[in-house]
Amino acid sequence: MEVNQQMRRRGVVPVVTLRNTEDAVPTAQALLAGGLDVMEVTLRTPCALEAIRRIAREAPRMCVGAGTVLTIGQTEQAAEAGAQFIVSPGFSGTQAAWCRENGLMLLPGCVTATEILAAMEQGLHILKFFPAKTCGGLDGMHLLHGPFPEVRFVPTGGINGENFLDYLAAPFIHAVGGSWLCPVQDIEAGRFAEITQRTQTAMEKIGVR
C-alpha cells in the first residue's frame, strides 16, 4: 500500500516528539496495538533521527515519517534513517524536487493559493495545512478547495480528540495530524497502555478495523 493510501485509510497521522531514543519503539508498538500503523516523528530533538532508525528497524509494520524537516540535508538524513515520508511546515521547490527524484512522499505546508500552485507544479496534490487553527481551519481549507478541487489537505495545529471527526468529514481532507494520541508527557511517563487505548478509540470512531 502506498504511503498516501495508508494515511487516507487510517485517517490520523500522530505527530510524535521523542526526547529519549529508548521510547521510540515502545511508542510505535503502542500505536500499532491500537490499530494505527503510520506516525510522524518530528526532527525537533537530538535523538529524532536515531528514533526513526530504530522504529524502521525494530517495528517494520509501522510506516514512519519525519516531520519538521526544513533542509535538504535533513531530508537526506531522514531518508537514510528509514523515513518513508517527509513532512515540512512550509514549501520548498528544492526539497520537493529531491523527494520526487528519490521516490519519497512529501507533505509540504501550504496555506496560500501561491504555495498550492507551487506545490502543484511539482506534482503534489496532498498538502499539509499548518497551522490549521490560526489559518482558518475548515473554513480556510474550504475556500481554497474551490479553485483547487484536486487538492487534499492534511491539517495539523489545533486538531484534537474532540474535533478530528469534524475535519475528516470534509471531502477535501485526506487525513489529520496531531499530537493528542501521543502526548510527550505520556511517552516520557511510560504510559503506553493509555496511548494504545486512545488510539484504539480514535480508530473505532473513524471505523478502522
N, C-alpha and C. Protein backbone atom coordinates (compact mmCIF):
# COMPACT_ATOMS: atom_id res chain seq x y z
N MET A 1 0.84 -1.18 0.00
CA MET A 1 0.00 0.00 0.00
C MET A 1 0.89 1.25 0.00
N GLU A 2 0.61 2.20 -0.88
CA GLU A 2 1.37 3.43 -0.91
C GLU A 2 1.11 4.24 0.36
N VAL A 3 2.10 5.08 0.71
CA VAL A 3 2.01 5.84 1.95
C VAL A 3 0.77 6.73 1.96
N ASN A 4 0.48 7.42 0.85
CA ASN A 4 -0.68 8.32 0.85
C ASN A 4 -1.98 7.54 1.03
N GLN A 5 -2.05 6.33 0.49
CA GLN A 5 -3.24 5.50 0.68
C GLN A 5 -3.36 5.03 2.11
N GLN A 6 -2.21 4.73 2.71
CA GLN A 6 -2.20 4.30 4.11
C GLN A 6 -2.70 5.42 5.02
N MET A 7 -2.24 6.64 4.76
CA MET A 7 -2.72 7.78 5.54
C MET A 7 -4.22 7.96 5.39
N ARG A 8 -4.68 7.88 4.16
CA ARG A 8 -6.09 8.06 3.87
C ARG A 8 -6.94 7.01 4.57
N ARG A 9 -6.49 5.77 4.55
CA ARG A 9 -7.25 4.68 5.15
C ARG A 9 -7.33 4.83 6.67
N ARG A 10 -6.22 5.23 7.30
CA ARG A 10 -6.22 5.36 8.76
C ARG A 10 -6.87 6.67 9.22
N GLY A 11 -6.65 7.73 8.46
CA GLY A 11 -7.30 9.00 8.78
C GLY A 11 -6.53 9.90 9.72
N VAL A 12 -5.65 9.32 10.54
CA VAL A 12 -4.91 10.10 11.53
C VAL A 12 -3.43 9.79 11.41
N VAL A 13 -2.62 10.86 11.42
CA VAL A 13 -1.16 10.72 11.46
C VAL A 13 -0.70 11.34 12.77
N PRO A 14 -0.37 10.54 13.78
CA PRO A 14 0.08 11.12 15.04
C PRO A 14 1.42 11.82 14.88
N VAL A 15 1.49 13.02 15.42
CA VAL A 15 2.73 13.80 15.38
C VAL A 15 3.44 13.57 16.71
N VAL A 16 4.59 12.90 16.64
CA VAL A 16 5.24 12.40 17.85
C VAL A 16 6.58 13.09 18.06
N THR A 17 6.78 13.61 19.27
CA THR A 17 8.06 14.18 19.66
C THR A 17 8.70 13.26 20.68
N LEU A 18 9.89 12.78 20.35
CA LEU A 18 10.61 11.84 21.21
C LEU A 18 11.88 12.50 21.76
N ARG A 19 12.00 12.49 23.06
CA ARG A 19 13.18 13.08 23.70
C ARG A 19 14.16 12.02 24.18
N ASN A 20 13.73 10.77 24.11
CA ASN A 20 14.56 9.64 24.54
C ASN A 20 14.48 8.55 23.49
N THR A 21 15.60 8.15 22.96
CA THR A 21 15.61 7.14 21.90
C THR A 21 14.94 5.84 22.36
N GLU A 22 15.10 5.52 23.64
CA GLU A 22 14.55 4.27 24.16
C GLU A 22 13.02 4.24 24.10
N ASP A 23 12.40 5.40 23.96
CA ASP A 23 10.93 5.45 23.89
C ASP A 23 10.40 5.22 22.48
N ALA A 24 11.28 5.19 21.49
CA ALA A 24 10.84 5.15 20.09
C ALA A 24 10.04 3.90 19.77
N VAL A 25 10.63 2.75 19.99
CA VAL A 25 9.95 1.51 19.62
C VAL A 25 8.72 1.25 20.49
N PRO A 26 8.77 1.44 21.82
CA PRO A 26 7.55 1.27 22.61
C PRO A 26 6.40 2.17 22.16
N THR A 27 6.71 3.39 21.73
CA THR A 27 5.66 4.29 21.25
C THR A 27 5.06 3.75 19.95
N ALA A 28 5.92 3.31 19.04
CA ALA A 28 5.43 2.73 17.78
C ALA A 28 4.59 1.49 18.05
N GLN A 29 5.03 0.66 18.97
CA GLN A 29 4.29 -0.56 19.29
C GLN A 29 2.95 -0.24 19.95
N ALA A 30 2.91 0.82 20.75
CA ALA A 30 1.65 1.22 21.38
C ALA A 30 0.64 1.66 20.33
N LEU A 31 1.09 2.40 19.33
CA LEU A 31 0.21 2.83 18.25
C LEU A 31 -0.26 1.63 17.43
N LEU A 32 0.65 0.72 17.13
CA LEU A 32 0.30 -0.48 16.37
C LEU A 32 -0.74 -1.31 17.12
N ALA A 33 -0.57 -1.42 18.43
CA ALA A 33 -1.52 -2.19 19.23
C ALA A 33 -2.91 -1.56 19.21
N GLY A 34 -2.95 -0.25 18.99
CA GLY A 34 -4.24 0.44 18.90
C GLY A 34 -4.82 0.45 17.50
N GLY A 35 -4.11 -0.13 16.53
CA GLY A 35 -4.62 -0.25 15.17
C GLY A 35 -4.14 0.81 14.21
N LEU A 36 -3.09 1.55 14.59
CA LEU A 36 -2.59 2.63 13.74
C LEU A 36 -1.16 2.33 13.32
N ASP A 37 -0.91 2.29 12.00
CA ASP A 37 0.40 1.88 11.50
C ASP A 37 1.09 2.98 10.69
N VAL A 38 0.85 4.23 11.05
CA VAL A 38 1.55 5.35 10.43
C VAL A 38 1.81 6.39 11.52
N MET A 39 3.01 7.00 11.51
CA MET A 39 3.35 8.00 12.51
C MET A 39 4.40 8.94 11.96
N GLU A 40 4.39 10.17 12.46
CA GLU A 40 5.38 11.18 12.10
C GLU A 40 6.22 11.48 13.33
N VAL A 41 7.53 11.34 13.20
CA VAL A 41 8.46 11.69 14.28
C VAL A 41 9.09 13.02 13.92
N THR A 42 8.89 14.02 14.76
CA THR A 42 9.39 15.35 14.45
C THR A 42 10.89 15.45 14.70
N LEU A 43 11.58 16.16 13.82
CA LEU A 43 13.01 16.37 13.98
C LEU A 43 13.26 17.60 14.86
N ARG A 44 12.67 17.59 16.03
CA ARG A 44 12.81 18.71 16.96
C ARG A 44 13.70 18.38 18.13
N THR A 45 14.18 17.15 18.18
CA THR A 45 15.04 16.72 19.29
C THR A 45 16.29 16.06 18.73
N PRO A 46 17.37 16.05 19.50
CA PRO A 46 18.62 15.46 19.01
C PRO A 46 18.54 13.98 18.68
N CYS A 47 17.61 13.27 19.31
CA CYS A 47 17.54 11.82 19.11
C CYS A 47 16.57 11.42 18.01
N ALA A 48 15.96 12.36 17.33
CA ALA A 48 14.87 12.04 16.40
C ALA A 48 15.29 11.11 15.27
N LEU A 49 16.44 11.38 14.65
CA LEU A 49 16.88 10.53 13.53
C LEU A 49 17.15 9.11 14.00
N GLU A 50 17.79 8.96 15.14
CA GLU A 50 18.05 7.61 15.66
C GLU A 50 16.74 6.94 16.04
N ALA A 51 15.76 7.71 16.53
CA ALA A 51 14.46 7.15 16.86
C ALA A 51 13.79 6.59 15.60
N ILE A 52 13.84 7.36 14.51
CA ILE A 52 13.28 6.89 13.24
C ILE A 52 13.99 5.61 12.79
N ARG A 53 15.31 5.60 12.93
CA ARG A 53 16.09 4.43 12.52
C ARG A 53 15.66 3.19 13.30
N ARG A 54 15.47 3.34 14.59
CA ARG A 54 15.08 2.19 15.41
C ARG A 54 13.68 1.71 15.08
N ILE A 55 12.77 2.65 14.87
CA ILE A 55 11.40 2.25 14.52
C ILE A 55 11.40 1.50 13.19
N ALA A 56 12.12 2.03 12.22
CA ALA A 56 12.16 1.38 10.90
C ALA A 56 12.74 -0.02 10.99
N ARG A 57 13.71 -0.20 11.89
CA ARG A 57 14.37 -1.50 12.02
C ARG A 57 13.62 -2.47 12.92
N GLU A 58 13.08 -1.98 14.04
CA GLU A 58 12.53 -2.86 15.05
C GLU A 58 11.01 -2.94 15.07
N ALA A 59 10.36 -2.02 14.36
CA ALA A 59 8.89 -2.06 14.25
C ALA A 59 8.53 -1.90 12.77
N PRO A 60 8.91 -2.87 11.94
CA PRO A 60 8.78 -2.70 10.48
C PRO A 60 7.35 -2.56 9.98
N ARG A 61 6.36 -2.94 10.78
CA ARG A 61 4.97 -2.76 10.35
C ARG A 61 4.55 -1.30 10.40
N MET A 62 5.32 -0.48 11.10
CA MET A 62 4.99 0.94 11.22
C MET A 62 5.54 1.72 10.04
N CYS A 63 4.69 2.51 9.41
CA CYS A 63 5.11 3.44 8.36
C CYS A 63 5.52 4.73 9.07
N VAL A 64 6.83 4.93 9.20
CA VAL A 64 7.32 6.07 9.97
C VAL A 64 7.83 7.16 9.04
N GLY A 65 7.44 8.39 9.35
CA GLY A 65 7.89 9.52 8.57
C GLY A 65 8.61 10.52 9.46
N ALA A 66 9.28 11.47 8.84
CA ALA A 66 9.99 12.52 9.56
C ALA A 66 9.26 13.83 9.39
N GLY A 67 9.05 14.54 10.50
CA GLY A 67 8.37 15.82 10.46
C GLY A 67 9.28 16.97 10.84
N THR A 68 8.81 18.19 10.59
CA THR A 68 9.59 19.40 10.83
C THR A 68 10.92 19.32 10.09
N VAL A 69 10.87 18.85 8.85
CA VAL A 69 12.08 18.73 8.03
C VAL A 69 12.24 20.03 7.24
N LEU A 70 13.33 20.74 7.51
CA LEU A 70 13.48 22.10 7.00
C LEU A 70 14.48 22.24 5.86
N THR A 71 15.43 21.31 5.73
CA THR A 71 16.50 21.45 4.76
C THR A 71 16.68 20.18 3.94
N ILE A 72 17.41 20.31 2.85
CA ILE A 72 17.74 19.13 2.05
C ILE A 72 18.61 18.17 2.85
N GLY A 73 19.52 18.72 3.65
CA GLY A 73 20.36 17.87 4.48
C GLY A 73 19.54 17.02 5.42
N GLN A 74 18.55 17.63 6.08
CA GLN A 74 17.68 16.87 6.96
C GLN A 74 16.84 15.85 6.19
N THR A 75 16.42 16.23 5.00
CA THR A 75 15.64 15.32 4.17
C THR A 75 16.46 14.07 3.84
N GLU A 76 17.69 14.27 3.44
CA GLU A 76 18.58 13.14 3.11
C GLU A 76 18.84 12.28 4.34
N GLN A 77 19.07 12.92 5.48
CA GLN A 77 19.34 12.17 6.71
C GLN A 77 18.12 11.36 7.13
N ALA A 78 16.94 11.94 7.00
CA ALA A 78 15.72 11.23 7.38
C ALA A 78 15.49 10.03 6.47
N ALA A 79 15.71 10.21 5.18
CA ALA A 79 15.56 9.10 4.24
C ALA A 79 16.55 7.99 4.55
N GLU A 80 17.78 8.38 4.86
CA GLU A 80 18.81 7.38 5.19
C GLU A 80 18.45 6.61 6.46
N ALA A 81 17.78 7.30 7.40
CA ALA A 81 17.39 6.66 8.66
C ALA A 81 16.21 5.70 8.49
N GLY A 82 15.51 5.81 7.36
CA GLY A 82 14.39 4.91 7.11
C GLY A 82 13.03 5.57 7.03
N ALA A 83 12.99 6.90 7.04
CA ALA A 83 11.70 7.60 6.93
C ALA A 83 11.05 7.28 5.59
N GLN A 84 9.77 6.97 5.62
CA GLN A 84 9.04 6.64 4.39
C GLN A 84 8.28 7.83 3.82
N PHE A 85 8.21 8.91 4.57
CA PHE A 85 7.64 10.15 4.06
C PHE A 85 8.24 11.32 4.82
N ILE A 86 8.15 12.50 4.21
CA ILE A 86 8.73 13.71 4.76
C ILE A 86 7.62 14.74 4.95
N VAL A 87 7.63 15.41 6.10
CA VAL A 87 6.66 16.45 6.38
C VAL A 87 7.41 17.74 6.69
N SER A 88 7.04 18.81 6.00
CA SER A 88 7.69 20.10 6.22
C SER A 88 6.63 21.14 6.57
N PRO A 89 6.94 22.08 7.46
CA PRO A 89 5.96 23.12 7.79
C PRO A 89 5.71 24.11 6.67
N GLY A 90 6.60 24.15 5.68
CA GLY A 90 6.45 25.07 4.55
C GLY A 90 6.77 24.37 3.25
N PHE A 91 6.77 25.14 2.17
CA PHE A 91 7.05 24.57 0.85
C PHE A 91 8.41 25.01 0.34
N SER A 92 9.19 24.06 -0.16
CA SER A 92 10.47 24.32 -0.81
C SER A 92 10.50 23.55 -2.12
N GLY A 93 10.68 24.26 -3.23
CA GLY A 93 10.75 23.60 -4.52
C GLY A 93 11.94 22.66 -4.61
N THR A 94 13.04 23.03 -3.99
CA THR A 94 14.23 22.18 -3.99
C THR A 94 13.96 20.87 -3.26
N GLN A 95 13.34 20.98 -2.11
CA GLN A 95 13.00 19.78 -1.34
C GLN A 95 12.00 18.91 -2.09
N ALA A 96 11.01 19.54 -2.72
CA ALA A 96 10.01 18.79 -3.47
C ALA A 96 10.65 18.03 -4.62
N ALA A 97 11.57 18.67 -5.32
CA ALA A 97 12.25 18.03 -6.43
C ALA A 97 13.08 16.85 -5.95
N TRP A 98 13.78 17.02 -4.83
CA TRP A 98 14.61 15.93 -4.29
C TRP A 98 13.75 14.73 -3.93
N CYS A 99 12.64 14.98 -3.25
CA CYS A 99 11.76 13.88 -2.85
C CYS A 99 11.18 13.17 -4.07
N ARG A 100 10.80 13.94 -5.08
CA ARG A 100 10.26 13.33 -6.29
C ARG A 100 11.31 12.46 -6.97
N GLU A 101 12.52 12.98 -7.07
CA GLU A 101 13.60 12.24 -7.74
C GLU A 101 14.00 10.98 -6.97
N ASN A 102 13.77 10.98 -5.66
CA ASN A 102 14.17 9.84 -4.84
C ASN A 102 12.99 8.98 -4.39
N GLY A 103 11.82 9.23 -4.96
CA GLY A 103 10.66 8.38 -4.70
C GLY A 103 10.13 8.45 -3.28
N LEU A 104 10.24 9.63 -2.65
CA LEU A 104 9.83 9.79 -1.26
C LEU A 104 8.63 10.73 -1.19
N MET A 105 7.59 10.32 -0.50
CA MET A 105 6.41 11.17 -0.37
C MET A 105 6.74 12.41 0.47
N LEU A 106 6.29 13.57 0.01
CA LEU A 106 6.48 14.82 0.72
C LEU A 106 5.13 15.45 1.02
N LEU A 107 4.96 15.87 2.27
CA LEU A 107 3.80 16.66 2.67
C LEU A 107 4.31 18.05 3.03
N PRO A 108 4.25 18.98 2.09
CA PRO A 108 4.72 20.34 2.40
C PRO A 108 3.60 21.20 2.96
N GLY A 109 3.96 22.11 3.84
CA GLY A 109 2.96 23.01 4.38
C GLY A 109 2.57 24.08 3.38
N CYS A 110 1.28 24.15 3.03
CA CYS A 110 0.79 25.13 2.05
C CYS A 110 -0.53 25.69 2.55
N VAL A 111 -0.56 27.00 2.79
CA VAL A 111 -1.79 27.62 3.30
C VAL A 111 -2.26 28.79 2.45
N THR A 112 -1.58 29.03 1.32
CA THR A 112 -2.00 30.10 0.41
C THR A 112 -2.13 29.55 -1.00
N ALA A 113 -2.85 30.28 -1.84
CA ALA A 113 -3.02 29.87 -3.23
C ALA A 113 -1.67 29.81 -3.95
N THR A 114 -0.78 30.76 -3.65
CA THR A 114 0.54 30.77 -4.30
C THR A 114 1.33 29.52 -3.94
N GLU A 115 1.31 29.14 -2.66
CA GLU A 115 2.03 27.94 -2.23
C GLU A 115 1.43 26.68 -2.86
N ILE A 116 0.12 26.64 -2.94
CA ILE A 116 -0.53 25.48 -3.55
C ILE A 116 -0.14 25.36 -5.03
N LEU A 117 -0.14 26.48 -5.75
CA LEU A 117 0.27 26.45 -7.16
C LEU A 117 1.70 25.95 -7.31
N ALA A 118 2.59 26.41 -6.43
CA ALA A 118 3.99 25.97 -6.49
C ALA A 118 4.10 24.48 -6.24
N ALA A 119 3.31 23.98 -5.29
CA ALA A 119 3.33 22.55 -4.99
C ALA A 119 2.78 21.74 -6.16
N MET A 120 1.71 22.23 -6.77
CA MET A 120 1.13 21.51 -7.89
C MET A 120 2.09 21.45 -9.07
N GLU A 121 2.90 22.48 -9.24
CA GLU A 121 3.90 22.46 -10.31
C GLU A 121 4.92 21.35 -10.10
N GLN A 122 5.06 20.91 -8.85
CA GLN A 122 5.96 19.79 -8.54
C GLN A 122 5.21 18.46 -8.50
N GLY A 123 3.95 18.48 -8.92
CA GLY A 123 3.17 17.25 -8.96
C GLY A 123 2.56 16.84 -7.64
N LEU A 124 2.50 17.77 -6.69
CA LEU A 124 1.97 17.46 -5.35
C LEU A 124 0.52 17.90 -5.23
N HIS A 125 -0.33 16.99 -4.73
CA HIS A 125 -1.74 17.30 -4.57
C HIS A 125 -2.26 16.97 -3.17
N ILE A 126 -1.42 16.35 -2.34
CA ILE A 126 -1.75 16.11 -0.94
C ILE A 126 -0.82 17.00 -0.13
N LEU A 127 -1.39 17.96 0.60
CA LEU A 127 -0.60 19.01 1.21
C LEU A 127 -0.92 19.16 2.69
N LYS A 128 0.11 19.46 3.46
CA LYS A 128 -0.06 19.78 4.87
C LYS A 128 -0.66 21.19 4.98
N PHE A 129 -1.56 21.37 5.92
CA PHE A 129 -2.15 22.69 6.16
C PHE A 129 -1.83 23.05 7.61
N PHE A 130 -0.84 23.93 7.78
CA PHE A 130 -0.32 24.23 9.11
C PHE A 130 0.05 25.71 9.23
N PRO A 131 -0.28 26.33 10.37
CA PRO A 131 -1.10 25.80 11.48
C PRO A 131 -2.59 25.96 11.16
N ALA A 132 -3.31 24.87 11.20
CA ALA A 132 -4.69 24.85 10.72
C ALA A 132 -5.59 25.82 11.48
N LYS A 133 -5.49 25.81 12.80
CA LYS A 133 -6.41 26.61 13.60
C LYS A 133 -6.28 28.10 13.31
N THR A 134 -5.06 28.59 13.20
CA THR A 134 -4.85 30.03 13.00
C THR A 134 -4.88 30.44 11.53
N CYS A 135 -4.97 29.47 10.64
CA CYS A 135 -5.05 29.79 9.20
C CYS A 135 -6.45 29.54 8.64
N GLY A 136 -7.44 29.55 9.51
CA GLY A 136 -8.82 29.46 9.04
C GLY A 136 -9.49 28.14 9.24
N GLY A 137 -8.73 27.11 9.66
CA GLY A 137 -9.33 25.81 9.92
C GLY A 137 -10.09 25.26 8.72
N LEU A 138 -11.22 24.65 8.99
CA LEU A 138 -12.03 24.06 7.92
C LEU A 138 -12.52 25.12 6.94
N ASP A 139 -12.88 26.30 7.44
CA ASP A 139 -13.36 27.36 6.55
C ASP A 139 -12.26 27.78 5.57
N GLY A 140 -11.04 27.91 6.07
CA GLY A 140 -9.93 28.30 5.20
C GLY A 140 -9.67 27.27 4.12
N MET A 141 -9.67 26.00 4.50
CA MET A 141 -9.44 24.94 3.52
C MET A 141 -10.60 24.82 2.53
N HIS A 142 -11.81 25.05 3.02
CA HIS A 142 -12.98 25.01 2.13
C HIS A 142 -12.86 26.08 1.04
N LEU A 143 -12.42 27.27 1.41
CA LEU A 143 -12.27 28.35 0.43
C LEU A 143 -11.19 28.01 -0.59
N LEU A 144 -10.10 27.40 -0.14
CA LEU A 144 -9.03 27.02 -1.07
C LEU A 144 -9.44 25.84 -1.95
N HIS A 145 -10.32 25.01 -1.43
CA HIS A 145 -10.77 23.85 -2.21
C HIS A 145 -11.54 24.27 -3.45
N GLY A 146 -12.17 25.45 -3.40
CA GLY A 146 -12.92 25.93 -4.56
C GLY A 146 -12.08 26.01 -5.82
N PRO A 147 -10.99 26.79 -5.82
CA PRO A 147 -10.17 26.88 -7.03
C PRO A 147 -9.23 25.69 -7.21
N PHE A 148 -9.06 24.88 -6.16
CA PHE A 148 -8.14 23.73 -6.25
C PHE A 148 -8.87 22.45 -5.83
N PRO A 149 -9.87 22.01 -6.61
CA PRO A 149 -10.68 20.87 -6.19
C PRO A 149 -9.92 19.55 -6.14
N GLU A 150 -8.76 19.49 -6.82
CA GLU A 150 -7.99 18.24 -6.83
C GLU A 150 -7.06 18.10 -5.64
N VAL A 151 -6.93 19.17 -4.86
CA VAL A 151 -6.02 19.15 -3.71
C VAL A 151 -6.72 18.59 -2.49
N ARG A 152 -5.98 17.78 -1.72
CA ARG A 152 -6.46 17.28 -0.44
C ARG A 152 -5.48 17.70 0.64
N PHE A 153 -6.02 18.03 1.82
CA PHE A 153 -5.20 18.58 2.89
C PHE A 153 -5.03 17.60 4.04
N VAL A 154 -3.88 17.72 4.71
CA VAL A 154 -3.62 17.03 5.97
C VAL A 154 -3.36 18.13 7.00
N PRO A 155 -4.41 18.61 7.66
CA PRO A 155 -4.23 19.72 8.60
C PRO A 155 -3.61 19.27 9.93
N THR A 156 -2.76 20.12 10.49
CA THR A 156 -2.24 19.93 11.84
C THR A 156 -2.23 21.30 12.52
N GLY A 157 -2.25 21.26 13.84
CA GLY A 157 -2.28 22.51 14.60
C GLY A 157 -3.69 22.82 15.03
N GLY A 158 -4.04 22.42 16.24
CA GLY A 158 -5.39 22.63 16.74
C GLY A 158 -6.32 21.44 16.55
N ILE A 159 -5.80 20.33 16.00
CA ILE A 159 -6.61 19.12 15.84
C ILE A 159 -6.50 18.30 17.13
N ASN A 160 -7.63 17.82 17.62
CA ASN A 160 -7.61 17.05 18.88
C ASN A 160 -8.70 15.99 18.88
N GLY A 161 -8.82 15.30 20.00
CA GLY A 161 -9.78 14.21 20.09
C GLY A 161 -11.22 14.63 20.03
N GLU A 162 -11.47 15.93 20.23
CA GLU A 162 -12.85 16.42 20.20
C GLU A 162 -13.29 16.87 18.81
N ASN A 163 -12.34 17.28 17.97
CA ASN A 163 -12.75 17.86 16.67
C ASN A 163 -12.25 17.11 15.45
N PHE A 164 -11.45 16.03 15.63
CA PHE A 164 -10.83 15.41 14.45
C PHE A 164 -11.85 14.80 13.51
N LEU A 165 -12.98 14.33 14.04
CA LEU A 165 -14.00 13.75 13.16
C LEU A 165 -14.67 14.82 12.30
N ASP A 166 -14.80 16.04 12.84
CA ASP A 166 -15.36 17.13 12.05
C ASP A 166 -14.48 17.41 10.84
N TYR A 167 -13.17 17.38 11.04
CA TYR A 167 -12.24 17.60 9.93
C TYR A 167 -12.33 16.46 8.92
N LEU A 168 -12.34 15.22 9.41
CA LEU A 168 -12.34 14.07 8.50
C LEU A 168 -13.62 13.98 7.67
N ALA A 169 -14.68 14.60 8.14
CA ALA A 169 -15.94 14.55 7.40
C ALA A 169 -15.92 15.43 6.16
N ALA A 170 -14.97 16.37 6.08
CA ALA A 170 -14.90 17.27 4.93
C ALA A 170 -14.29 16.55 3.72
N PRO A 171 -14.82 16.74 2.52
CA PRO A 171 -14.35 16.00 1.35
C PRO A 171 -12.95 16.37 0.90
N PHE A 172 -12.44 17.51 1.35
CA PHE A 172 -11.11 17.95 0.93
C PHE A 172 -10.03 17.56 1.93
N ILE A 173 -10.38 16.77 2.95
CA ILE A 173 -9.41 16.32 3.95
C ILE A 173 -8.93 14.92 3.60
N HIS A 174 -7.63 14.76 3.51
CA HIS A 174 -7.03 13.45 3.23
C HIS A 174 -6.84 12.67 4.52
N ALA A 175 -6.35 13.34 5.54
CA ALA A 175 -6.13 12.79 6.87
C ALA A 175 -5.89 13.98 7.79
N VAL A 176 -5.78 13.73 9.08
CA VAL A 176 -5.45 14.80 10.01
C VAL A 176 -4.21 14.40 10.80
N GLY A 177 -3.49 15.41 11.27
CA GLY A 177 -2.33 15.16 12.10
C GLY A 177 -2.49 15.84 13.45
N GLY A 178 -1.88 15.27 14.47
CA GLY A 178 -1.98 15.88 15.78
C GLY A 178 -1.21 15.09 16.81
N SER A 179 -0.97 15.72 17.94
CA SER A 179 -0.16 15.09 18.99
C SER A 179 -1.00 14.52 20.12
N TRP A 180 -2.34 14.60 20.01
CA TRP A 180 -3.17 14.20 21.15
C TRP A 180 -3.12 12.70 21.42
N LEU A 181 -2.81 11.89 20.41
CA LEU A 181 -2.73 10.44 20.65
C LEU A 181 -1.48 10.07 21.44
N CYS A 182 -0.40 10.82 21.22
CA CYS A 182 0.89 10.50 21.83
C CYS A 182 1.49 11.74 22.50
N PRO A 183 0.86 12.29 23.51
CA PRO A 183 1.44 13.47 24.16
C PRO A 183 2.78 13.13 24.81
N VAL A 184 3.68 14.10 24.79
CA VAL A 184 5.03 13.88 25.31
C VAL A 184 4.99 13.38 26.75
N GLN A 185 4.10 13.91 27.56
CA GLN A 185 4.07 13.52 28.97
C GLN A 185 3.72 12.05 29.15
N ASP A 186 2.86 11.51 28.29
CA ASP A 186 2.54 10.08 28.38
C ASP A 186 3.71 9.23 27.94
N ILE A 187 4.38 9.64 26.87
CA ILE A 187 5.54 8.89 26.39
C ILE A 187 6.61 8.83 27.46
N GLU A 188 6.94 9.98 28.03
CA GLU A 188 8.04 10.04 28.99
C GLU A 188 7.69 9.37 30.32
N ALA A 189 6.40 9.27 30.62
CA ALA A 189 5.98 8.58 31.84
C ALA A 189 5.76 7.08 31.61
N GLY A 190 5.95 6.63 30.37
CA GLY A 190 5.78 5.22 30.07
C GLY A 190 4.33 4.77 30.06
N ARG A 191 3.42 5.70 29.83
CA ARG A 191 2.00 5.34 29.82
C ARG A 191 1.58 4.87 28.42
N PHE A 192 2.22 3.81 27.97
CA PHE A 192 1.98 3.32 26.61
C PHE A 192 0.61 2.65 26.47
N ALA A 193 0.12 2.06 27.56
CA ALA A 193 -1.22 1.46 27.51
C ALA A 193 -2.28 2.53 27.26
N GLU A 194 -2.07 3.73 27.80
CA GLU A 194 -3.02 4.82 27.57
C GLU A 194 -2.96 5.29 26.12
N ILE A 195 -1.77 5.30 25.55
CA ILE A 195 -1.63 5.66 24.13
C ILE A 195 -2.37 4.65 23.26
N THR A 196 -2.22 3.37 23.59
CA THR A 196 -2.91 2.32 22.84
C THR A 196 -4.42 2.49 22.93
N GLN A 197 -4.93 2.74 24.15
CA GLN A 197 -6.37 2.88 24.34
C GLN A 197 -6.90 4.10 23.59
N ARG A 198 -6.17 5.21 23.67
CA ARG A 198 -6.59 6.43 22.98
C ARG A 198 -6.61 6.21 21.47
N THR A 199 -5.61 5.51 20.98
CA THR A 199 -5.53 5.23 19.55
C THR A 199 -6.65 4.30 19.11
N GLN A 200 -6.90 3.28 19.90
CA GLN A 200 -7.97 2.33 19.56
C GLN A 200 -9.32 3.03 19.51
N THR A 201 -9.55 3.92 20.46
CA THR A 201 -10.80 4.67 20.47
C THR A 201 -10.95 5.52 19.21
N ALA A 202 -9.86 6.18 18.82
CA ALA A 202 -9.90 7.01 17.61
C ALA A 202 -10.17 6.16 16.38
N MET A 203 -9.52 5.01 16.27
CA MET A 203 -9.72 4.13 15.12
C MET A 203 -11.16 3.62 15.05
N GLU A 204 -11.72 3.32 16.22
CA GLU A 204 -13.10 2.85 16.25
C GLU A 204 -14.07 3.95 15.82
N LYS A 205 -13.79 5.18 16.23
CA LYS A 205 -14.64 6.30 15.81
C LYS A 205 -14.58 6.53 14.30
N ILE A 206 -13.39 6.33 13.74
CA ILE A 206 -13.22 6.52 12.29
C ILE A 206 -13.86 5.36 11.54
N GLY A 207 -13.84 4.18 12.18
CA GLY A 207 -14.39 2.99 11.52
C GLY A 207 -13.32 2.09 10.97
N VAL A 208 -12.07 2.26 11.45
CA VAL A 208 -10.97 1.40 11.02
C VAL A 208 -11.00 0.14 11.88
N ARG A 209 -10.93 -0.99 11.23
CA ARG A 209 -10.91 -2.28 11.96
C ARG A 209 -9.64 -3.04 11.61
